[in-house]
N, C-alpha and C. Protein backbone atom coordinates (compact mmCIF):
# COMPACT_ATOMS: atom_id res chain seq x y z
N MET A 1 5.37 24.19 -0.79
CA MET A 1 4.49 23.89 0.33
C MET A 1 3.58 22.72 -0.05
N LEU A 2 3.40 21.80 0.90
CA LEU A 2 2.57 20.62 0.68
C LEU A 2 1.09 21.00 0.67
N ARG A 3 0.40 20.54 -0.39
CA ARG A 3 -1.06 20.66 -0.46
C ARG A 3 -1.60 19.34 -1.00
N LEU A 4 -2.18 18.57 -0.10
CA LEU A 4 -2.80 17.31 -0.47
C LEU A 4 -4.30 17.55 -0.53
N SER A 5 -4.82 17.63 -1.75
CA SER A 5 -6.22 18.04 -1.94
C SER A 5 -6.92 17.14 -2.94
N ASP A 6 -8.25 17.06 -2.79
CA ASP A 6 -9.05 16.29 -3.75
C ASP A 6 -8.94 16.91 -5.13
N MET A 7 -8.79 16.03 -6.12
CA MET A 7 -8.77 16.46 -7.51
C MET A 7 -9.96 15.76 -8.17
N ASP A 8 -11.01 16.50 -8.41
CA ASP A 8 -12.25 15.93 -8.93
C ASP A 8 -12.06 15.16 -10.23
N SER A 9 -11.17 15.62 -11.08
CA SER A 9 -11.00 14.97 -12.39
C SER A 9 -10.45 13.55 -12.29
N VAL A 10 -9.79 13.20 -11.18
CA VAL A 10 -9.27 11.84 -11.02
C VAL A 10 -9.96 11.10 -9.87
N GLY A 11 -10.78 11.79 -9.11
CA GLY A 11 -11.57 11.15 -8.06
C GLY A 11 -10.80 10.74 -6.82
N ARG A 12 -9.72 11.43 -6.53
CA ARG A 12 -8.94 11.13 -5.33
C ARG A 12 -8.07 12.33 -4.99
N ALA A 13 -7.46 12.26 -3.81
CA ALA A 13 -6.54 13.32 -3.40
C ALA A 13 -5.26 13.22 -4.22
N VAL A 14 -4.69 14.37 -4.52
CA VAL A 14 -3.43 14.45 -5.27
C VAL A 14 -2.60 15.55 -4.63
N ARG A 15 -1.28 15.36 -4.61
CA ARG A 15 -0.41 16.43 -4.13
C ARG A 15 -0.46 17.57 -5.13
N GLN A 16 -0.88 18.72 -4.65
CA GLN A 16 -0.96 19.92 -5.48
C GLN A 16 -0.04 20.98 -4.88
N ASP A 17 1.21 20.55 -4.65
CA ASP A 17 2.21 21.40 -4.00
C ASP A 17 2.64 22.54 -4.91
N ASP A 18 3.44 23.42 -4.36
CA ASP A 18 4.09 24.44 -5.17
C ASP A 18 5.03 23.73 -6.15
N THR A 19 5.29 24.36 -7.28
CA THR A 19 6.08 23.76 -8.35
C THR A 19 7.44 23.28 -7.86
N ASP A 20 8.10 24.00 -6.98
CA ASP A 20 9.44 23.62 -6.55
C ASP A 20 9.46 22.37 -5.67
N SER A 21 8.33 21.94 -5.14
CA SER A 21 8.33 20.73 -4.31
C SER A 21 7.56 19.56 -4.93
N LEU A 22 6.96 19.76 -6.12
CA LEU A 22 6.21 18.67 -6.76
C LEU A 22 7.08 17.47 -7.09
N GLY A 23 8.36 17.69 -7.36
CA GLY A 23 9.26 16.60 -7.73
C GLY A 23 9.87 15.85 -6.57
N ILE A 24 9.59 16.26 -5.34
CA ILE A 24 10.14 15.57 -4.17
C ILE A 24 9.31 14.30 -3.93
N PRO A 25 9.96 13.13 -3.86
CA PRO A 25 9.22 11.89 -3.63
C PRO A 25 8.41 11.96 -2.33
N THR A 26 7.24 11.38 -2.37
CA THR A 26 6.37 11.37 -1.19
C THR A 26 7.05 10.67 -0.02
N SER A 27 7.83 9.63 -0.30
CA SER A 27 8.54 8.93 0.78
C SER A 27 9.48 9.87 1.52
N GLY A 28 10.11 10.78 0.79
CA GLY A 28 10.98 11.77 1.43
C GLY A 28 10.20 12.75 2.29
N LEU A 29 9.01 13.15 1.82
CA LEU A 29 8.16 14.04 2.61
C LEU A 29 7.66 13.35 3.88
N ILE A 30 7.38 12.04 3.78
CA ILE A 30 6.95 11.28 4.95
C ILE A 30 8.07 11.25 5.98
N ALA A 31 9.27 10.92 5.53
CA ALA A 31 10.42 10.86 6.44
C ALA A 31 10.67 12.23 7.10
N ASP A 32 10.60 13.29 6.32
CA ASP A 32 10.79 14.64 6.85
C ASP A 32 9.71 14.99 7.88
N ALA A 33 8.47 14.64 7.58
CA ALA A 33 7.37 14.93 8.51
C ALA A 33 7.56 14.18 9.83
N ILE A 34 8.03 12.93 9.75
CA ILE A 34 8.28 12.16 10.98
C ILE A 34 9.43 12.79 11.75
N ASP A 35 10.52 13.11 11.04
CA ASP A 35 11.71 13.68 11.69
C ASP A 35 11.42 14.99 12.39
N THR A 36 10.46 15.75 11.87
CA THR A 36 10.16 17.06 12.46
C THR A 36 8.89 17.04 13.31
N GLY A 37 8.39 15.83 13.61
CA GLY A 37 7.28 15.69 14.54
C GLY A 37 5.90 16.00 13.98
N ARG A 38 5.76 16.09 12.66
CA ARG A 38 4.46 16.36 12.04
C ARG A 38 3.80 15.01 11.70
N LEU A 39 3.40 14.30 12.74
CA LEU A 39 2.95 12.92 12.57
C LEU A 39 1.63 12.81 11.82
N ASP A 40 0.70 13.74 12.03
CA ASP A 40 -0.56 13.69 11.29
C ASP A 40 -0.31 13.88 9.79
N GLU A 41 0.61 14.76 9.44
CA GLU A 41 0.97 14.96 8.04
C GLU A 41 1.63 13.71 7.48
N ALA A 42 2.49 13.08 8.27
CA ALA A 42 3.15 11.84 7.82
C ALA A 42 2.12 10.75 7.56
N LYS A 43 1.13 10.62 8.44
CA LYS A 43 0.08 9.61 8.24
C LYS A 43 -0.74 9.92 6.99
N ALA A 44 -1.07 11.18 6.79
CA ALA A 44 -1.85 11.56 5.60
C ALA A 44 -1.06 11.27 4.33
N LEU A 45 0.23 11.58 4.33
CA LEU A 45 1.06 11.31 3.17
C LEU A 45 1.22 9.81 2.94
N ASN A 46 1.35 9.04 4.01
CA ASN A 46 1.45 7.60 3.87
C ASN A 46 0.17 7.04 3.24
N ASP A 47 -0.97 7.47 3.72
CA ASP A 47 -2.24 7.01 3.14
C ASP A 47 -2.34 7.41 1.67
N TYR A 48 -1.92 8.61 1.36
CA TYR A 48 -1.94 9.10 -0.02
C TYR A 48 -1.02 8.28 -0.92
N SER A 49 0.13 7.87 -0.39
CA SER A 49 1.13 7.19 -1.22
C SER A 49 0.60 5.88 -1.80
N VAL A 50 -0.37 5.25 -1.16
CA VAL A 50 -0.96 4.03 -1.71
C VAL A 50 -1.60 4.32 -3.06
N GLY A 51 -2.47 5.32 -3.11
CA GLY A 51 -3.13 5.69 -4.36
C GLY A 51 -2.16 6.26 -5.39
N GLU A 52 -1.16 6.96 -4.91
CA GLU A 52 -0.16 7.54 -5.80
C GLU A 52 0.55 6.44 -6.59
N GLY A 53 0.97 5.39 -5.92
CA GLY A 53 1.65 4.29 -6.60
C GLY A 53 0.69 3.41 -7.38
N LYS A 54 -0.50 3.22 -6.84
CA LYS A 54 -1.47 2.33 -7.47
C LYS A 54 -1.92 2.85 -8.83
N SER A 55 -2.02 4.14 -8.97
CA SER A 55 -2.49 4.69 -10.25
C SER A 55 -1.55 4.31 -11.39
N LEU A 56 -0.25 4.41 -11.17
CA LEU A 56 0.71 4.04 -12.22
C LEU A 56 0.72 2.52 -12.42
N HIS A 57 0.68 1.78 -11.33
CA HIS A 57 0.63 0.32 -11.41
C HIS A 57 -0.57 -0.13 -12.24
N ASP A 58 -1.74 0.40 -11.93
CA ASP A 58 -2.96 0.02 -12.65
C ASP A 58 -2.90 0.43 -14.12
N LEU A 59 -2.32 1.58 -14.40
CA LEU A 59 -2.16 2.03 -15.78
C LEU A 59 -1.35 1.01 -16.58
N PHE A 60 -0.23 0.58 -16.02
CA PHE A 60 0.61 -0.39 -16.72
C PHE A 60 -0.06 -1.75 -16.82
N CYS A 61 -0.78 -2.18 -15.79
CA CYS A 61 -1.52 -3.46 -15.88
C CYS A 61 -2.56 -3.40 -16.99
N ASP A 62 -3.30 -2.31 -17.06
CA ASP A 62 -4.30 -2.16 -18.12
C ASP A 62 -3.65 -2.12 -19.50
N TRP A 63 -2.51 -1.45 -19.60
CA TRP A 63 -1.81 -1.37 -20.87
C TRP A 63 -1.35 -2.76 -21.32
N ILE A 64 -0.77 -3.54 -20.40
CA ILE A 64 -0.32 -4.88 -20.74
C ILE A 64 -1.52 -5.75 -21.14
N TRP A 65 -2.62 -5.63 -20.41
CA TRP A 65 -3.83 -6.37 -20.76
C TRP A 65 -4.27 -6.02 -22.18
N ASN A 66 -4.27 -4.75 -22.50
CA ASN A 66 -4.67 -4.31 -23.84
C ASN A 66 -3.69 -4.81 -24.91
N LEU A 67 -2.40 -4.78 -24.62
CA LEU A 67 -1.41 -5.29 -25.57
C LEU A 67 -1.61 -6.78 -25.83
N LEU A 68 -1.83 -7.56 -24.77
CA LEU A 68 -2.03 -8.99 -24.94
C LEU A 68 -3.35 -9.29 -25.65
N THR A 69 -4.38 -8.52 -25.36
CA THR A 69 -5.65 -8.69 -26.05
C THR A 69 -5.50 -8.39 -27.54
N TYR A 70 -4.80 -7.31 -27.87
CA TYR A 70 -4.54 -6.97 -29.26
C TYR A 70 -3.77 -8.09 -29.95
N LEU A 71 -2.73 -8.60 -29.29
CA LEU A 71 -1.94 -9.67 -29.86
C LEU A 71 -2.81 -10.90 -30.12
N ALA A 72 -3.67 -11.26 -29.17
CA ALA A 72 -4.56 -12.41 -29.35
C ALA A 72 -5.55 -12.17 -30.48
N ASP A 73 -6.13 -10.96 -30.54
CA ASP A 73 -7.10 -10.66 -31.59
C ASP A 73 -6.47 -10.67 -32.98
N GLN A 74 -5.25 -10.18 -33.09
CA GLN A 74 -4.59 -10.08 -34.39
C GLN A 74 -3.91 -11.37 -34.83
N HIS A 75 -3.38 -12.13 -33.86
CA HIS A 75 -2.53 -13.27 -34.23
C HIS A 75 -2.93 -14.59 -33.56
N GLY A 76 -3.95 -14.58 -32.70
CA GLY A 76 -4.40 -15.80 -32.03
C GLY A 76 -3.81 -15.99 -30.65
N GLU A 77 -4.52 -16.76 -29.84
CA GLU A 77 -4.12 -17.02 -28.45
C GLU A 77 -2.75 -17.70 -28.38
N GLU A 78 -2.44 -18.55 -29.34
CA GLU A 78 -1.16 -19.26 -29.33
C GLU A 78 0.01 -18.27 -29.36
N GLU A 79 -0.16 -17.17 -30.11
CA GLU A 79 0.91 -16.17 -30.17
C GLU A 79 1.10 -15.46 -28.83
N VAL A 80 0.02 -15.30 -28.07
CA VAL A 80 0.15 -14.71 -26.73
C VAL A 80 1.04 -15.61 -25.88
N TYR A 81 0.74 -16.91 -25.90
CA TYR A 81 1.57 -17.86 -25.17
C TYR A 81 3.03 -17.78 -25.63
N CYS A 82 3.24 -17.80 -26.94
CA CYS A 82 4.61 -17.75 -27.49
C CYS A 82 5.34 -16.48 -27.06
N ALA A 83 4.65 -15.36 -27.11
CA ALA A 83 5.26 -14.08 -26.72
C ALA A 83 5.61 -14.08 -25.23
N LEU A 84 4.69 -14.54 -24.40
CA LEU A 84 4.96 -14.58 -22.96
C LEU A 84 6.09 -15.54 -22.65
N ARG A 85 6.08 -16.69 -23.27
CA ARG A 85 7.12 -17.69 -23.03
C ARG A 85 8.48 -17.16 -23.48
N ALA A 86 8.53 -16.55 -24.66
CA ALA A 86 9.80 -16.04 -25.19
C ALA A 86 10.37 -14.94 -24.30
N THR A 87 9.52 -14.05 -23.83
CA THR A 87 10.03 -12.94 -23.01
C THR A 87 10.38 -13.40 -21.61
N GLN A 88 9.69 -14.39 -21.09
CA GLN A 88 10.03 -14.87 -19.76
C GLN A 88 11.26 -15.76 -19.79
N ASP A 89 11.42 -16.57 -20.83
CA ASP A 89 12.60 -17.42 -20.93
C ASP A 89 13.88 -16.61 -21.03
N SER A 90 13.81 -15.44 -21.65
CA SER A 90 15.02 -14.67 -21.90
C SER A 90 15.63 -14.08 -20.63
N TRP A 91 14.81 -13.71 -19.66
CA TRP A 91 15.38 -13.11 -18.46
C TRP A 91 14.55 -13.38 -17.22
N MET A 92 13.23 -13.29 -17.33
CA MET A 92 12.41 -13.35 -16.13
C MET A 92 12.45 -14.71 -15.47
N LEU A 93 12.37 -15.76 -16.25
CA LEU A 93 12.36 -17.10 -15.68
C LEU A 93 13.67 -17.37 -14.95
N ARG A 94 14.78 -16.99 -15.56
CA ARG A 94 16.08 -17.20 -14.91
C ARG A 94 16.22 -16.35 -13.66
N ARG A 95 15.75 -15.11 -13.74
CA ARG A 95 15.94 -14.19 -12.63
C ARG A 95 14.97 -14.44 -11.49
N THR A 96 13.78 -14.90 -11.80
CA THR A 96 12.78 -14.99 -10.75
C THR A 96 12.36 -16.41 -10.44
N TRP A 97 11.65 -17.06 -11.36
CA TRP A 97 10.98 -18.31 -11.00
C TRP A 97 11.94 -19.45 -10.70
N LYS A 98 12.99 -19.61 -11.47
CA LYS A 98 13.93 -20.69 -11.17
C LYS A 98 14.62 -20.43 -9.84
N GLY A 99 14.98 -19.20 -9.58
CA GLY A 99 15.56 -18.86 -8.29
C GLY A 99 14.56 -18.99 -7.16
N PHE A 100 13.33 -18.63 -7.44
CA PHE A 100 12.26 -18.71 -6.46
C PHE A 100 12.05 -20.15 -6.01
N LEU A 101 12.07 -21.08 -6.95
CA LEU A 101 11.84 -22.49 -6.62
C LEU A 101 13.02 -23.11 -5.88
N ALA A 102 14.18 -22.46 -5.92
CA ALA A 102 15.37 -22.99 -5.26
C ALA A 102 15.47 -22.59 -3.78
N ILE A 103 14.65 -21.67 -3.34
CA ILE A 103 14.73 -21.22 -1.94
C ILE A 103 13.72 -21.97 -1.08
N PRO A 104 13.93 -22.01 0.23
CA PRO A 104 13.00 -22.72 1.12
C PRO A 104 11.58 -22.16 1.03
N VAL A 105 10.61 -23.03 1.30
CA VAL A 105 9.20 -22.68 1.17
C VAL A 105 8.84 -21.45 2.02
N GLU A 106 9.29 -21.39 3.25
CA GLU A 106 8.93 -20.24 4.09
C GLU A 106 9.42 -18.93 3.48
N GLN A 107 10.60 -18.94 2.85
CA GLN A 107 11.09 -17.74 2.18
C GLN A 107 10.24 -17.41 0.95
N ARG A 108 9.76 -18.44 0.25
CA ARG A 108 8.85 -18.20 -0.87
C ARG A 108 7.57 -17.52 -0.39
N VAL A 109 7.06 -17.99 0.73
CA VAL A 109 5.85 -17.39 1.30
C VAL A 109 6.11 -15.93 1.66
N GLN A 110 7.24 -15.67 2.29
CA GLN A 110 7.58 -14.30 2.68
C GLN A 110 7.71 -13.39 1.45
N LEU A 111 8.37 -13.86 0.40
CA LEU A 111 8.50 -13.06 -0.82
C LEU A 111 7.16 -12.89 -1.53
N THR A 112 6.33 -13.95 -1.53
CA THR A 112 5.01 -13.84 -2.15
C THR A 112 4.16 -12.82 -1.39
N ALA A 113 4.21 -12.85 -0.07
CA ALA A 113 3.47 -11.87 0.73
C ALA A 113 3.95 -10.45 0.42
N GLU A 114 5.27 -10.30 0.26
CA GLU A 114 5.82 -8.99 -0.10
C GLU A 114 5.27 -8.50 -1.44
N MET A 115 5.23 -9.42 -2.42
CA MET A 115 4.70 -9.05 -3.74
C MET A 115 3.21 -8.71 -3.66
N MET A 116 2.47 -9.48 -2.86
CA MET A 116 1.04 -9.21 -2.73
C MET A 116 0.80 -7.86 -2.05
N ARG A 117 1.62 -7.54 -1.03
CA ARG A 117 1.50 -6.21 -0.39
C ARG A 117 1.84 -5.12 -1.39
N ALA A 118 2.93 -5.32 -2.15
CA ALA A 118 3.37 -4.31 -3.11
C ALA A 118 2.35 -4.10 -4.22
N HIS A 119 1.62 -5.17 -4.58
CA HIS A 119 0.61 -5.06 -5.64
C HIS A 119 -0.76 -4.70 -5.08
N LEU A 120 -0.79 -4.35 -3.80
CA LEU A 120 -2.01 -3.86 -3.16
C LEU A 120 -3.16 -4.85 -3.29
N CYS A 121 -2.85 -6.13 -3.07
CA CYS A 121 -3.89 -7.16 -3.07
C CYS A 121 -4.75 -7.00 -1.82
N GLY A 122 -5.80 -7.75 -1.77
CA GLY A 122 -6.67 -7.77 -0.60
C GLY A 122 -7.98 -7.08 -0.84
N PRO A 123 -8.90 -7.27 0.08
CA PRO A 123 -10.26 -6.75 -0.11
C PRO A 123 -10.33 -5.23 -0.20
N LYS A 124 -9.42 -4.53 0.44
CA LYS A 124 -9.43 -3.07 0.39
C LYS A 124 -8.43 -2.54 -0.63
N GLN A 125 -7.80 -3.44 -1.37
CA GLN A 125 -6.75 -3.07 -2.33
C GLN A 125 -5.69 -2.19 -1.68
N ASP A 126 -5.30 -2.56 -0.45
CA ASP A 126 -4.28 -1.80 0.28
C ASP A 126 -3.07 -2.66 0.64
N GLY A 127 -3.05 -3.90 0.14
CA GLY A 127 -1.92 -4.79 0.41
C GLY A 127 -2.10 -5.67 1.62
N THR A 128 -3.22 -5.58 2.31
CA THR A 128 -3.46 -6.41 3.48
C THR A 128 -4.02 -7.76 3.03
N VAL A 129 -3.27 -8.81 3.28
CA VAL A 129 -3.70 -10.17 2.96
C VAL A 129 -3.45 -11.04 4.18
N GLU A 130 -4.23 -12.08 4.31
CA GLU A 130 -4.03 -13.00 5.43
C GLU A 130 -3.33 -14.25 4.93
N ILE A 131 -2.25 -14.61 5.61
CA ILE A 131 -1.50 -15.82 5.28
C ILE A 131 -1.74 -16.81 6.42
N VAL A 132 -2.17 -18.01 6.06
CA VAL A 132 -2.47 -19.05 7.05
C VAL A 132 -1.67 -20.29 6.70
N GLU A 133 -1.13 -20.93 7.71
CA GLU A 133 -0.36 -22.16 7.52
C GLU A 133 -1.12 -23.30 8.18
N ASP A 134 -1.23 -24.44 7.48
CA ASP A 134 -1.78 -25.65 8.09
C ASP A 134 -0.83 -26.80 7.80
N ASP A 135 -1.27 -28.03 8.02
CA ASP A 135 -0.39 -29.20 7.83
C ASP A 135 0.07 -29.38 6.39
N GLU A 136 -0.70 -28.88 5.44
CA GLU A 136 -0.43 -29.14 4.04
C GLU A 136 0.15 -27.96 3.27
N SER A 137 -0.17 -26.75 3.67
CA SER A 137 0.21 -25.62 2.83
C SER A 137 0.15 -24.30 3.59
N PHE A 138 0.68 -23.30 2.94
CA PHE A 138 0.42 -21.91 3.32
C PHE A 138 -0.69 -21.46 2.38
N ARG A 139 -1.62 -20.68 2.86
CA ARG A 139 -2.70 -20.20 2.02
C ARG A 139 -2.88 -18.70 2.23
N SER A 140 -3.28 -18.08 1.16
CA SER A 140 -3.69 -16.69 1.22
C SER A 140 -5.00 -16.59 0.49
N ALA A 141 -6.00 -16.07 1.15
CA ALA A 141 -7.29 -15.86 0.49
C ALA A 141 -7.58 -14.38 0.53
N TRP A 142 -8.01 -13.85 -0.58
CA TRP A 142 -8.37 -12.44 -0.61
C TRP A 142 -9.50 -12.23 -1.59
N ILE A 143 -10.18 -11.12 -1.43
CA ILE A 143 -11.29 -10.80 -2.31
C ILE A 143 -10.85 -9.70 -3.25
N LEU A 144 -11.03 -9.92 -4.54
CA LEU A 144 -10.75 -8.88 -5.51
C LEU A 144 -11.92 -7.90 -5.45
N ALA A 145 -11.64 -6.72 -5.00
CA ALA A 145 -12.71 -5.76 -4.75
C ALA A 145 -13.53 -5.46 -5.99
N ALA A 146 -12.89 -5.34 -7.12
CA ALA A 146 -13.62 -4.95 -8.33
C ALA A 146 -14.61 -6.00 -8.78
N ALA A 147 -14.27 -7.27 -8.64
CA ALA A 147 -15.13 -8.34 -9.13
C ALA A 147 -15.84 -9.11 -8.03
N ALA A 148 -15.43 -8.89 -6.79
CA ALA A 148 -15.98 -9.62 -5.64
C ALA A 148 -15.83 -11.13 -5.81
N ASP A 149 -14.78 -11.54 -6.50
CA ASP A 149 -14.47 -12.95 -6.65
C ASP A 149 -13.56 -13.36 -5.50
N VAL A 150 -13.65 -14.61 -5.10
CA VAL A 150 -12.76 -15.13 -4.07
C VAL A 150 -11.67 -15.91 -4.77
N CYS A 151 -10.42 -15.57 -4.45
CA CYS A 151 -9.29 -16.24 -5.06
C CYS A 151 -8.48 -16.90 -3.96
N ALA A 152 -7.78 -17.95 -4.26
CA ALA A 152 -6.90 -18.60 -3.28
C ALA A 152 -5.64 -19.08 -3.97
N ALA A 153 -4.54 -19.01 -3.25
CA ALA A 153 -3.27 -19.52 -3.75
C ALA A 153 -2.66 -20.37 -2.66
N ALA A 154 -2.03 -21.45 -3.02
CA ALA A 154 -1.40 -22.32 -2.03
C ALA A 154 0.00 -22.69 -2.49
N ILE A 155 0.91 -22.75 -1.55
CA ILE A 155 2.26 -23.20 -1.82
C ILE A 155 2.45 -24.50 -1.04
N PRO A 156 2.65 -25.65 -1.73
CA PRO A 156 2.77 -26.93 -1.02
C PRO A 156 4.00 -26.96 -0.13
N LEU A 157 3.91 -27.72 0.92
CA LEU A 157 5.02 -27.84 1.87
C LEU A 157 5.73 -29.18 1.73
N THR A 158 5.74 -29.77 0.57
CA THR A 158 6.30 -31.10 0.40
C THR A 158 7.79 -31.15 0.66
N GLU A 159 8.48 -30.01 0.60
CA GLU A 159 9.93 -30.00 0.77
C GLU A 159 10.37 -30.15 2.22
N ARG A 160 9.45 -30.03 3.18
CA ARG A 160 9.90 -30.09 4.57
C ARG A 160 8.88 -30.81 5.43
N ARG A 161 9.33 -31.32 6.53
CA ARG A 161 8.43 -31.97 7.47
C ARG A 161 7.78 -30.92 8.35
N ARG A 162 6.58 -31.20 8.77
CA ARG A 162 5.84 -30.27 9.61
C ARG A 162 5.98 -30.70 11.06
N ALA A 163 6.53 -29.88 11.89
CA ALA A 163 6.65 -30.20 13.31
C ALA A 163 5.34 -29.91 14.03
N SER A 164 4.67 -28.83 13.63
CA SER A 164 3.41 -28.48 14.27
C SER A 164 2.63 -27.57 13.35
N THR A 165 1.37 -27.40 13.67
CA THR A 165 0.54 -26.48 12.91
C THR A 165 0.50 -25.17 13.67
N ARG A 166 0.78 -24.08 12.98
CA ARG A 166 0.73 -22.78 13.64
C ARG A 166 0.25 -21.75 12.65
N ARG A 167 -0.40 -20.75 13.14
CA ARG A 167 -0.90 -19.67 12.31
C ARG A 167 0.20 -18.65 12.18
N ILE A 168 0.50 -18.27 10.95
CA ILE A 168 1.53 -17.25 10.73
C ILE A 168 0.98 -15.89 11.07
N GLY A 169 -0.28 -15.63 10.79
CA GLY A 169 -0.89 -14.35 11.11
C GLY A 169 -1.12 -13.52 9.87
N SER A 170 -1.60 -12.34 10.07
CA SER A 170 -1.89 -11.45 8.95
C SER A 170 -0.61 -10.79 8.48
N VAL A 171 -0.50 -10.66 7.21
CA VAL A 171 0.65 -10.02 6.59
C VAL A 171 0.20 -8.76 5.93
């Protein structure tokens, strides 16, 4: 049986289901709730799933930060660069960035927006970011909630001619 309840020790709601249903993915519970007309339950599970995924994501981000900090402290900043370059050259650069640069700019923007949503960017850390297009670039501006810093990223449009200026809208 589904029990989505506050867990004081982690400061958020956690599924505290019966043992036989704890291993069922939340996405499956959402689909089942929709299929059987339990829409309020589906909405609650959807809202919960953001924190459910974010906790593991943040754990791994913090771990990588700590690993890189340790590497820099023990062996110097240059070794951090060397380690990142070596690991990205072996597979990541070929699989992602070189392929990324080969696709049209609008597709890059769409994939970047997907990554930003998946990484829960935005002022509420829920994946909501605004993408704006002008004559020169696509832009996304968001506020990092923890630091209240304003960040911006731009993808140049030099590969194509601009027929008109239009707002893409919120992503």
